[in-house]
């Protein structure tokens, strides 16, 4: 049986209800137990939200641009990629990937200065031109493409090796034929 914090709290509540006369002095435990339960409930809501999180470029680009604006508003200075990633809880690699894509499309501009590379919003209206749904799985498509090229390359190598074997056979057959002719002449 898998125990979650919610089940443990309910079990503790039942235990307290059964033995209320023993624990009448321990009134301070109830708020603590309620706090644990509400924290677990918040965590469960966050977990559900994370499962429904959209990972297409359109949604992530909007998040990135919004995070740049929020960071500029809160700190009165343009953010770095690390700052933006901290605000929206992205990994730094994912943040740099999205920033590169947005720079290619000229939605944001990265300016290098003495205090590092800062991000500026160039044209936020271009966000609406991004595709909302990406293909099902680009990684699988790229993997199949790579495998097909590898198969084609291996077939090419096999055919080349077969041609070389045939050339060797023909060469040895010719040499053997010449040797037989020379032996017959003697």
Protein backbone atom coordinates (compact mmCIF):
# COMPACT_ATOMS: atom_id res chain seq x y z
CA UNK A 1 0.00 0.00 0.00
CA UNK A 2 1.35 3.39 -0.99
CA UNK A 3 1.14 6.09 1.64
CA UNK A 4 0.89 9.71 0.69
CA UNK A 5 0.98 12.60 3.12
CA UNK A 6 -2.78 12.95 2.72
CA UNK A 7 -3.42 9.34 3.80
CA UNK A 8 -1.03 9.67 6.71
CA UNK A 9 -2.79 12.83 7.90
CA UNK A 10 -6.20 11.17 7.68
CA UNK A 11 -4.93 8.18 9.59
CA UNK A 12 -3.55 10.52 12.23
CA UNK A 13 -6.90 12.32 12.45
CA UNK A 14 -8.71 9.02 12.99
CA UNK A 15 -6.17 8.03 15.62
CA UNK A 16 -6.69 11.37 17.38
CA UNK A 17 -10.47 10.95 17.26
CA UNK A 18 -10.28 7.48 18.78
CA UNK A 19 -7.93 8.57 21.51
CA UNK A 20 -9.18 12.13 22.07
CA UNK A 21 -9.18 11.77 25.85
CA UNK A 22 -5.46 10.87 25.83
CA UNK A 23 -4.54 13.81 23.61
CA UNK A 24 -6.72 16.54 25.10
CA UNK A 25 -3.56 18.27 26.30
CA UNK A 26 -1.95 18.22 22.84
CA UNK A 27 -4.16 20.84 21.16
CA UNK A 28 -1.23 22.39 19.24
CA UNK A 29 -0.93 19.38 16.94
CA UNK A 30 -4.15 20.08 15.06
CA UNK A 31 -2.97 23.25 13.27
CA UNK A 32 0.29 21.52 12.38
CA UNK A 33 -1.55 18.55 10.89
CA UNK A 34 -3.88 20.88 8.96
CA UNK A 35 -0.88 22.78 7.63
CA UNK A 36 0.77 19.54 6.45
CA UNK A 37 -2.44 18.52 4.72
CA UNK A 38 -2.90 21.87 2.95
CA UNK A 39 0.74 21.88 1.84
CA UNK A 40 0.26 18.39 0.42
CA UNK A 41 -2.90 19.57 -1.33
CA UNK A 42 -1.03 22.53 -2.85
CA UNK A 43 1.73 20.17 -3.97
CA UNK A 44 -0.84 17.89 -5.61
CA UNK A 45 -2.35 20.87 -7.48
CA UNK A 46 1.10 21.91 -8.69
CA UNK A 47 1.82 18.35 -9.79
CA UNK A 48 -1.43 18.29 -11.81
CA UNK A 49 -0.55 21.64 -13.36
CA UNK A 50 2.91 20.40 -14.28
CA UNK A 51 1.44 17.37 -16.03
CA UNK A 52 -0.82 19.61 -18.13
CA UNK A 53 2.04 21.97 -18.98
CA UNK A 54 2.32 22.77 -22.65
CA UNK A 55 5.77 22.34 -24.13
CA UNK A 56 5.28 23.74 -27.61
CA UNK A 57 7.40 26.67 -28.76
CA UNK A 58 4.42 29.05 -28.86
CA UNK A 59 3.63 28.64 -25.15
CA UNK A 60 7.25 28.69 -24.05
CA UNK A 61 7.97 31.80 -26.13
CA UNK A 62 5.07 33.63 -24.52
CA UNK A 63 6.36 32.57 -21.11
CA UNK A 64 9.85 33.80 -21.92
CA UNK A 65 8.67 37.21 -23.17
CA UNK A 66 6.36 37.60 -20.17
CA UNK A 67 9.21 36.69 -17.80
CA UNK A 68 11.45 39.32 -19.43
CA UNK A 69 8.74 41.93 -18.86
CA UNK A 70 8.11 40.86 -15.26
CA UNK A 71 11.81 40.84 -14.44
CA UNK A 72 12.27 44.31 -15.96
CA UNK A 73 9.31 45.57 -13.94
CA UNK A 74 10.48 44.10 -10.65
CA UNK A 75 14.18 44.91 -10.92
CA UNK A 76 14.23 47.98 -13.22
CA UNK A 77 16.91 46.44 -15.41
CA UNK A 78 16.91 44.00 -18.32
CA UNK A 79 17.40 40.34 -17.35
CA UNK A 80 19.99 37.78 -18.34
CA UNK A 81 18.92 34.35 -19.55
CA UNK A 82 19.74 32.93 -16.11
CA UNK A 83 17.48 35.51 -14.43
CA UNK A 84 14.58 34.70 -16.75
CA UNK A 85 15.06 30.96 -16.21
CA UNK A 86 14.98 31.50 -12.46
CA UNK A 87 11.73 33.49 -12.74
CA UNK A 88 9.85 30.85 -14.76
CA UNK A 89 11.62 27.79 -13.32
CA UNK A 90 13.15 26.59 -16.61
CA UNK A 91 16.49 24.88 -16.89
CA UNK A 92 19.24 27.15 -18.17
CA UNK A 93 19.74 24.94 -21.24
CA UNK A 94 16.06 25.14 -22.12
CA UNK A 95 16.14 28.91 -21.59
CA UNK A 96 19.11 29.36 -23.92
CA UNK A 97 17.44 27.13 -26.51
CA UNK A 98 14.24 29.17 -26.48
CA UNK A 99 16.18 32.46 -26.49
CA UNK A 100 18.16 31.37 -29.55
CA UNK A 101 14.93 30.47 -31.34
CA UNK A 102 13.38 33.82 -30.42
CA UNK A 103 16.50 35.67 -31.57
CA UNK A 104 16.36 33.91 -34.94
CA UNK A 105 12.77 35.06 -35.35
CA UNK A 106 13.77 38.54 -34.06
CA UNK A 107 11.26 38.55 -31.21
CA UNK A 108 13.92 39.31 -28.61
CA UNK A 109 17.33 40.86 -28.84
CA UNK A 110 20.36 39.84 -26.78
CA UNK A 111 22.80 42.66 -26.13
CA UNK A 112 26.24 41.93 -24.72
CA UNK A 113 27.53 44.50 -22.29
CA UNK A 114 30.04 44.82 -19.51
CA UNK A 115 27.61 43.17 -17.07
CA UNK A 116 26.79 40.18 -19.26
CA UNK A 117 24.27 39.47 -21.98
CA UNK A 118 20.92 41.16 -21.41
CA UNK A 119 17.62 40.36 -23.09
CA UNK A 120 15.31 42.95 -24.65
CA UNK A 121 11.95 42.49 -26.34
CA UNK A 122 12.22 43.49 -29.98
CA UNK A 123 8.82 42.70 -31.54
CA UNK A 124 6.34 40.79 -29.39
CA UNK A 125 3.73 40.69 -32.17
CA UNK A 126 5.79 38.09 -34.04
CA UNK A 127 4.88 35.63 -31.28
CA UNK A 128 1.50 35.14 -32.92
CA UNK A 129 3.18 33.91 -36.11
CA UNK A 130 4.72 30.93 -34.30
CA UNK A 131 3.09 27.55 -34.92
CA UNK A 132 0.84 26.65 -32.00
CA UNK A 133 1.20 22.90 -32.41
CA UNK A 134 4.48 21.28 -33.26
CA UNK A 135 4.73 17.93 -34.99
CA UNK A 136 4.06 14.97 -32.74
CA UNK A 137 7.64 14.14 -31.90
CA UNK A 138 10.54 15.69 -33.76
CA UNK A 139 13.03 13.53 -31.91
CA UNK A 140 11.50 10.33 -33.28
CA UNK A 141 11.41 11.79 -36.79
CA UNK A 142 15.04 12.85 -36.56
CA UNK A 143 15.99 9.44 -35.17
CA UNK A 144 14.23 7.63 -38.03
CA UNK A 145 15.89 9.92 -40.55
CA UNK A 146 19.30 9.22 -39.00
CA UNK A 147 18.65 5.47 -38.98
CA UNK A 148 17.60 5.56 -42.64
CA UNK A 149 20.79 7.41 -43.61
CA UNK A 150 22.85 4.90 -41.63
CA UNK A 151 21.09 2.00 -43.36
CA UNK A 152 21.68 3.59 -46.76
CA UNK A 153 25.34 4.12 -45.87
CA UNK A 154 25.74 0.51 -44.70
CA UNK A 155 24.06 -0.76 -47.92
CA UNK A 156 26.47 1.34 -49.94
CA UNK A 157 29.42 -0.14 -48.03
CA UNK A 158 28.09 -3.68 -48.53
CA UNK A 159 27.63 -3.15 -52.26
CA UNK A 160 31.14 -1.69 -52.50
CA UNK A 161 32.56 -4.70 -50.63
CA UNK A 162 30.62 -7.06 -52.92
CA UNK A 163 32.06 -5.27 -55.96
CA UNK A 164 35.58 -5.55 -54.54
CA UNK A 165 35.08 -9.30 -53.93
CA UNK A 166 33.86 -9.75 -57.48
CA UNK A 167 36.86 -7.82 -58.83
CA UNK A 168 39.21 -10.04 -56.82
CA UNK A 169 37.50 -13.17 -58.12
CA UNK A 170 37.74 -11.90 -61.70
CA UNK A 171 41.39 -10.94 -61.20
CA UNK A 172 42.29 -14.34 -59.77
CA UNK A 173 40.31 -16.07 -62.54
CA UNK A 174 42.24 -14.08 -65.17
CA UNK A 175 45.57 -14.84 -63.49
CA UNK A 176 44.72 -18.52 -63.30
CA UNK A 177 43.67 -18.53 -66.94
CA UNK A 178 46.95 -16.87 -67.98
CA UNK A 179 48.97 -19.35 -65.91
CA UNK A 180 47.17 -22.29 -67.55
CA UNK A 181 47.83 -20.83 -71.00
CA UNK A 182 51.53 -20.41 -70.18
CA UNK A 183 51.73 -23.96 -68.89
CA UNK A 184 50.06 -25.31 -72.03
CA UNK A 185 52.52 -23.40 -74.25
CA UNK A 186 55.49 -25.06 -72.57
